[in-house]
Amino acid sequence: MVIPKTMRAAAIDRFGDPDVLKIHELPVPEPGPGEVLIAVHTAGVGSWDAEMRGGWWPEPKRPPFPIVLGTDCSGTIAAVGSRVRRLAPGDKVYAYSFGNPKGGFYAEYAAVDAEHVAKVPEILTLKKAGAVAAIGLTAQQGVEEVLKVKRGESVVIHGASGGLGTLAVQFAKARGARVMATASGNDGMTLVRRVGADAVADGRRDDLKAAAEEFAPEGVDAVLAFAGGKELTRLLDAVRPGGRLVFPNGVEPAPRKRRGLSVESFDATPGVRELDRLGRALTKARAEIRITDEFPLEQAAKAHARVEEGHVLGKIVLRIRMR
């Protein structure tokens, strides 16, 4: 692969609204000894990207402008650092790196630590792989490693119609759980039924406590929450004593501790083994990855505006390369 000196990237020169995202011509980053250079095919777009564009940053020290956003992607290895042995030019890969030091994935090329990169599972196309790393790691680790869902348990996925929630439903079902999903609107409820939920409730209109008690008369065993607020508080009244609540950090308002309920928050952990486990979970579940909207790199601002509209049923992506 011939690597150019410069690349197109959607970057910001200041924090602000979606329109601060502009196409820049920037130098192609050089991979360090333990890094790889990815020719990006598809980049995921998440609410956390929009928060970073607006001025929030995961680390105390923000990088200098211009800042290239994007936390996960798929693509092809273009070059590898001198210490990298596991990957080679031409490999199809997906990656997750939050606040990547050499710039995010809204670009034609990205240099990233090889430990945050894995080969694309056979079940996925490059397009689907570009949508799944961030949401997939969060959903899989929440279900399997934090909540530790067991066969036969009654599990509620709250806020299930987004990219995170639809995958969580599928992972919990693959582990043999009975799953109730809360969603919003008829389209959201239809989607979570399609991906396998045994019962569905509308988080905006239904009495979630009553729905959960009908679903699990002896009490819900576990809740994985991707949304907070009074609806979640009401739902938790249906959890049995000794039940569990797990939610990723960033859910607002964060659920409060309550007597008789184990409450735990978590962040998705990136890494080669973690991405490999995700690949196995996706394969076992024969997971459907729904891409609700797709934008070219030049329309990154429109992609962010769509995220901020809300009611995103699945995942939004930027397509950097068409092949």
Protein backbone atom coordinates (compact mmCIF):
# COMPACT_ATOMS: atom_id res chain seq x y z
CA MET A 1 0.00 0.00 0.00
CA VAL A 2 1.35 3.40 -1.00
CA ILE A 3 0.98 5.73 1.99
CA PRO A 4 0.56 9.42 1.16
CA LYS A 5 2.14 12.24 3.14
CA THR A 6 -1.19 13.91 3.91
CA MET A 7 -4.79 12.79 4.48
CA ARG A 8 -8.29 14.13 4.81
CA ALA A 9 -9.66 14.22 8.34
CA ALA A 10 -12.74 15.63 10.08
CA ALA A 11 -11.20 17.70 12.86
CA ILE A 12 -12.00 20.62 15.14
CA ASP A 13 -10.03 23.82 15.73
CA ARG A 14 -12.14 24.72 18.77
CA PHE A 15 -14.80 23.11 20.93
CA GLY A 16 -18.42 23.83 20.08
CA ASP A 17 -21.49 22.77 18.12
CA PRO A 18 -21.42 20.18 15.30
CA ASP A 19 -20.49 22.83 12.72
CA VAL A 20 -16.98 23.14 14.24
CA LEU A 21 -16.21 19.80 12.57
CA LYS A 22 -14.44 20.63 9.30
CA ILE A 23 -12.45 18.73 6.73
CA HIS A 24 -8.71 19.31 7.19
CA GLU A 25 -5.68 18.23 5.19
CA LEU A 26 -3.33 16.83 7.84
CA PRO A 27 -0.08 14.85 7.89
CA VAL A 28 -0.54 11.09 7.98
CA PRO A 29 0.57 10.04 11.50
CA GLU A 30 3.65 7.84 11.77
CA PRO A 31 3.26 4.67 13.83
CA GLY A 32 5.67 4.23 16.73
CA PRO A 33 7.47 0.93 17.46
CA GLY A 34 4.42 -0.61 19.18
CA GLU A 35 1.80 0.96 16.93
CA VAL A 36 0.08 0.23 13.64
CA LEU A 37 -1.15 2.57 10.93
CA ILE A 38 -4.71 1.81 9.85
CA ALA A 39 -6.18 2.87 6.52
CA VAL A 40 -9.61 3.59 7.97
CA HIS A 41 -12.65 2.11 6.23
CA THR A 42 -15.50 2.92 8.67
CA ALA A 43 -15.49 4.97 11.87
CA GLY A 44 -18.12 4.73 14.58
CA VAL A 45 -19.91 7.87 15.77
CA GLY A 46 -21.13 7.93 19.36
CA SER A 47 -22.62 10.33 21.87
CA TRP A 48 -19.23 10.41 23.63
CA ASP A 49 -17.68 11.81 20.44
CA ALA A 50 -20.20 14.64 20.50
CA GLU A 51 -19.40 15.32 24.16
CA MET A 52 -15.67 15.51 23.35
CA ARG A 53 -16.41 17.89 20.46
CA GLY A 54 -18.30 20.06 22.91
CA GLY A 55 -15.36 20.32 25.32
CA TRP A 56 -15.46 17.28 27.61
CA TRP A 57 -12.28 15.21 27.54
CA PRO A 58 -11.51 11.84 29.19
CA GLU A 59 -8.03 12.93 30.32
CA PRO A 60 -7.03 16.01 32.36
CA LYS A 61 -4.80 17.26 29.56
CA ARG A 62 -6.50 17.97 26.26
CA PRO A 63 -4.51 17.55 23.03
CA PRO A 64 -3.62 20.59 20.91
CA PHE A 65 -5.85 21.66 18.05
CA PRO A 66 -6.66 20.56 15.44
CA ILE A 67 -8.20 17.50 17.13
CA VAL A 68 -9.33 14.51 15.08
CA LEU A 69 -12.26 12.82 16.82
CA GLY A 70 -13.38 9.18 16.72
CA THR A 71 -12.96 6.32 19.20
CA ASP A 72 -13.41 3.18 17.11
CA CYS A 73 -13.01 2.04 13.53
CA SER A 74 -12.37 -0.73 11.06
CA GLY A 75 -9.83 -0.76 8.25
CA THR A 76 -6.75 -2.31 6.76
CA ILE A 77 -3.26 -2.31 8.26
CA ALA A 78 -1.12 0.02 6.13
CA ALA A 79 2.11 -0.20 8.16
CA VAL A 80 3.35 -1.64 11.45
CA GLY A 81 5.91 -0.46 14.00
CA SER A 82 9.21 -2.27 14.50
CA ARG A 83 8.01 -4.22 17.57
CA VAL A 84 4.68 -5.38 16.13
CA ARG A 85 4.59 -9.09 15.20
CA ARG A 86 0.93 -10.06 15.56
CA LEU A 87 -0.34 -7.89 12.70
CA ALA A 88 0.89 -7.25 9.16
CA PRO A 89 0.09 -4.89 6.29
CA GLY A 90 -3.08 -5.99 4.54
CA ASP A 91 -4.78 -7.41 7.65
CA LYS A 92 -8.42 -6.41 8.10
CA VAL A 93 -8.79 -5.05 11.63
CA TYR A 94 -11.01 -3.18 14.05
CA ALA A 95 -9.85 -0.92 16.86
CA TYR A 96 -11.01 0.92 19.96
CA SER A 97 -8.95 3.69 21.53
CA PHE A 98 -10.62 6.37 23.64
CA GLY A 99 -8.84 9.72 23.26
CA ASN A 100 -6.20 8.16 20.98
CA PRO A 101 -2.94 10.13 21.48
CA LYS A 102 -2.17 10.48 17.76
CA GLY A 103 -5.68 11.44 16.76
CA GLY A 104 -8.98 9.67 16.35
CA PHE A 105 -10.53 7.71 13.50
CA TYR A 106 -12.45 10.40 11.60
CA ALA A 107 -9.58 10.32 9.10
CA GLU A 108 -8.19 8.38 6.19
CA TYR A 109 -5.39 7.05 8.40
CA ALA A 110 -4.91 6.56 12.14
CA ALA A 111 -1.89 5.43 14.17
CA VAL A 112 -2.87 3.44 17.25
CA ASP A 113 -1.29 1.16 19.85
CA ALA A 114 -1.34 -2.39 18.45
CA GLU A 115 -2.75 -3.59 21.78
CA HIS A 116 -6.01 -1.81 20.92
CA VAL A 117 -6.36 -3.55 17.55
CA ALA A 118 -7.58 -7.03 16.55
CA LYS A 119 -8.41 -8.85 13.34
CA VAL A 120 -12.01 -8.54 12.18
CA PRO A 121 -14.09 -11.63 13.09
CA GLU A 122 -15.23 -13.65 10.09
CA ILE A 123 -18.87 -12.91 10.94
CA LEU A 124 -18.40 -9.17 10.27
CA THR A 125 -17.97 -7.03 7.19
CA LEU A 126 -15.60 -4.08 7.47
CA LYS A 127 -18.61 -1.77 7.59
CA LYS A 128 -20.20 -3.63 10.52
CA ALA A 129 -16.83 -3.97 12.26
CA GLY A 130 -16.41 -0.20 12.13
CA ALA A 131 -19.69 0.20 14.00
CA VAL A 132 -19.18 -2.32 16.74
CA ALA A 133 -15.96 -2.00 18.76
CA ALA A 134 -16.98 0.64 21.33
CA ILE A 135 -20.59 -0.46 21.77
CA GLY A 136 -19.72 -4.15 21.50
CA LEU A 137 -17.04 -4.08 24.19
CA THR A 138 -19.35 -2.15 26.52
CA ALA A 139 -22.32 -4.47 25.97
CA GLN A 140 -20.31 -7.71 26.09
CA GLN A 141 -18.34 -6.79 29.18
CA GLY A 142 -21.46 -5.50 30.90
CA VAL A 143 -23.38 -8.72 30.28
CA GLU A 144 -20.65 -11.32 30.64
CA GLU A 145 -17.97 -9.89 32.92
CA VAL A 146 -19.68 -7.38 35.21
CA LEU A 147 -23.28 -8.59 35.45
CA LYS A 148 -22.18 -12.22 34.93
CA VAL A 149 -25.52 -13.23 33.45
CA LYS A 150 -26.39 -16.90 34.02
CA ARG A 151 -28.64 -19.31 32.16
CA GLY A 152 -32.26 -19.05 33.26
CA GLU A 153 -31.92 -15.65 34.93
CA SER A 154 -34.46 -12.89 34.33
CA VAL A 155 -32.61 -9.86 33.00
CA VAL A 156 -33.88 -6.41 32.04
CA ILE A 157 -31.94 -4.34 29.50
CA HIS A 158 -33.07 -0.76 30.11
CA GLY A 159 -32.64 1.60 27.16
CA ALA A 160 -32.29 -1.30 24.75
CA SER A 161 -33.04 0.18 21.33
CA GLY A 162 -29.66 1.87 20.75
CA GLY A 163 -26.51 0.19 19.53
CA LEU A 164 -25.44 -0.78 23.04
CA GLY A 165 -28.80 -2.11 24.07
CA THR A 166 -29.53 -4.22 21.01
CA LEU A 167 -26.18 -5.99 21.40
CA ALA A 168 -26.71 -6.47 25.14
CA VAL A 169 -30.06 -8.15 24.47
CA GLN A 170 -28.40 -10.55 22.04
CA PHE A 171 -25.47 -11.33 24.34
CA ALA A 172 -27.77 -12.00 27.30
CA LYS A 173 -29.96 -14.29 25.17
CA ALA A 174 -26.89 -16.16 23.96
CA ARG A 175 -26.06 -16.91 27.62
CA GLY A 176 -29.49 -18.45 28.14
CA ALA A 177 -31.18 -15.61 30.02
CA ARG A 178 -34.80 -14.53 29.77
CA VAL A 179 -34.68 -10.92 28.63
CA MET A 180 -37.07 -8.01 28.97
CA ALA A 181 -36.07 -4.92 27.02
CA THR A 182 -37.26 -1.37 27.53
CA ALA A 183 -37.31 0.87 24.48
CA SER A 184 -39.04 4.04 23.31
CA GLY A 185 -41.63 4.23 20.56
CA ASN A 186 -43.14 1.55 18.38
CA ASP A 187 -40.06 1.42 16.16
CA GLY A 188 -37.76 0.88 19.14
CA MET A 189 -39.98 -1.84 20.55
CA THR A 190 -40.16 -3.58 17.18
CA LEU A 191 -36.36 -3.54 16.92
CA VAL A 192 -35.69 -5.08 20.33
CA ARG A 193 -38.26 -7.80 19.68
CA ARG A 194 -36.50 -8.59 16.42
CA VAL A 195 -33.13 -9.04 18.12
CA GLY A 196 -34.58 -11.51 20.60
CA ALA A 197 -36.19 -9.85 23.63
CA ASP A 198 -38.75 -12.13 25.32
CA ALA A 199 -40.76 -9.16 26.62
CA VAL A 200 -40.81 -5.48 25.74
CA ALA A 201 -42.00 -2.32 27.50
CA ASP A 202 -42.12 1.29 26.34
CA GLY A 203 -39.88 3.26 28.68
CA ARG A 204 -41.83 6.47 28.08
CA ARG A 205 -45.41 5.24 28.30
CA ASP A 206 -45.59 1.96 30.24
CA ASP A 207 -45.46 1.29 33.98
CA LEU A 208 -42.05 -0.40 34.03
CA LYS A 209 -42.48 -1.82 37.53
CA ALA A 210 -45.73 -3.52 36.53
CA ALA A 211 -44.23 -4.78 33.25
CA ALA A 212 -41.19 -6.21 35.05
CA GLU A 213 -43.35 -7.87 37.72
CA GLU A 214 -45.42 -9.53 35.00
CA PHE A 215 -42.20 -10.65 33.27
CA ALA A 216 -40.61 -11.99 36.48
CA PRO A 217 -43.25 -12.51 39.21
CA GLU A 218 -40.63 -13.65 41.74
CA GLY A 219 -38.48 -10.60 41.05
CA VAL A 220 -36.01 -9.59 38.37
CA ASP A 221 -32.52 -11.04 38.89
CA ALA A 222 -30.49 -8.36 37.13
CA VAL A 223 -30.72 -5.04 35.28
CA LEU A 224 -28.25 -3.62 32.77
CA ALA A 225 -29.09 0.06 32.38
CA PHE A 226 -28.11 2.30 29.48
CA ALA A 227 -30.43 5.08 30.66
CA GLY A 228 -31.15 6.61 34.05
CA GLY A 229 -33.89 8.75 35.56
CA LYS A 230 -37.24 8.11 37.18
CA GLU A 231 -38.08 5.30 34.76
CA LEU A 232 -35.08 3.30 35.97
CA THR A 233 -35.91 4.09 39.61
CA ARG A 234 -39.42 2.74 39.08
CA LEU A 235 -38.10 -0.36 37.31
CA LEU A 236 -35.72 -1.19 40.17
CA ASP A 237 -38.70 -1.65 42.49
CA ALA A 238 -39.28 -4.95 40.66
CA VAL A 239 -35.78 -6.34 41.32
CA ARG A 240 -35.65 -9.13 43.90
CA PRO A 241 -33.66 -8.74 47.14
CA GLY A 242 -30.05 -9.55 46.35
CA GLY A 243 -30.49 -8.65 42.69
CA ARG A 244 -27.94 -6.72 40.63
CA LEU A 245 -27.83 -3.44 38.77
CA VAL A 246 -24.96 -2.62 36.40
CA PHE A 247 -24.53 0.48 34.26
CA PRO A 248 -21.69 2.02 32.22
CA ASN A 249 -20.19 5.24 33.54
CA GLY A 250 -21.80 8.17 31.80
CA VAL A 251 -25.41 7.15 32.41
CA GLU A 252 -27.18 10.24 33.75
CA PRO A 253 -28.55 10.64 36.27
CA ALA A 254 -26.45 7.88 37.79
CA PRO A 255 -28.55 5.39 39.79
CA ARG A 256 -28.33 5.69 43.54
CA LYS A 257 -27.35 2.88 45.86
CA ARG A 258 -30.31 1.09 47.42
CA ARG A 259 -30.65 -1.44 50.22
CA GLY A 260 -30.67 -5.07 49.13
CA LEU A 261 -29.39 -4.34 45.63
CA SER A 262 -25.85 -4.73 44.31
CA VAL A 263 -25.03 -1.64 42.22
CA GLU A 264 -21.90 -1.43 40.05
CA SER A 265 -20.72 0.93 37.30
CA PHE A 266 -18.00 0.16 34.77
CA ASP A 267 -16.03 1.36 31.77
CA ALA A 268 -15.32 -0.82 28.76
CA THR A 269 -11.75 -2.13 28.80
CA PRO A 270 -9.93 -2.13 25.44
CA GLY A 271 -7.29 -4.65 24.46
CA VAL A 272 -6.47 -7.53 22.14
CA ARG A 273 -7.93 -10.20 24.41
CA GLU A 274 -11.00 -8.08 24.99
CA LEU A 275 -11.58 -7.60 21.26
CA ASP A 276 -11.04 -11.32 20.68
CA ARG A 277 -13.63 -12.12 23.38
CA LEU A 278 -15.99 -9.68 21.71
CA GLY A 279 -15.48 -11.46 18.40
CA ARG A 280 -16.37 -14.80 20.01
CA ALA A 281 -19.46 -13.31 21.65
CA LEU A 282 -20.64 -11.77 18.38
CA THR A 283 -20.15 -15.11 16.62
CA LYS A 284 -21.94 -17.12 19.33
CA ALA A 285 -24.90 -14.74 19.33
CA ARG A 286 -24.91 -14.45 15.52
CA ALA A 287 -25.37 -10.82 16.38
CA GLU A 288 -27.28 -8.36 14.27
CA ILE A 289 -25.47 -5.01 14.18
CA ARG A 290 -27.87 -2.31 13.09
CA ILE A 291 -26.45 0.73 11.32
CA THR A 292 -29.18 3.32 11.43
CA ASP A 293 -27.40 6.12 9.50
CA GLU A 294 -24.26 6.33 7.38
CA PHE A 295 -22.48 9.54 6.38
CA PRO A 296 -19.39 10.24 4.26
CA LEU A 297 -16.40 11.80 6.05
CA GLU A 298 -17.29 15.21 4.64
CA GLN A 299 -20.60 15.10 6.53
CA ALA A 300 -19.18 14.40 9.98
CA ALA A 301 -20.98 17.49 11.29
CA LYS A 302 -24.31 16.09 10.07
CA ALA A 303 -23.52 12.79 11.78
CA HIS A 304 -22.98 14.62 15.08
CA ALA A 305 -26.19 16.59 14.63
CA ARG A 306 -28.03 13.29 14.08
CA VAL A 307 -26.54 11.85 17.29
CA GLU A 308 -27.72 14.86 19.24
CA GLU A 309 -31.26 14.58 17.86
CA GLY A 310 -31.60 11.39 19.90
CA HIS A 311 -33.72 8.27 19.29
CA VAL A 312 -30.90 6.57 17.38
CA LEU A 313 -31.98 2.98 16.79
CA GLY A 314 -28.62 1.27 16.34
CA LYS A 315 -25.32 2.93 15.42
CA ILE A 316 -24.25 5.86 13.24
CA VAL A 317 -21.07 5.54 11.17
CA LEU A 318 -18.80 7.53 8.90
CA ARG A 319 -17.70 5.75 5.74
CA ILE A 320 -14.14 6.81 4.95
CA ARG A 321 -13.52 4.35 2.11
CA MET A 322 -16.14 2.70 -0.07
CA ARG A 323 -14.10 -0.46 -0.71
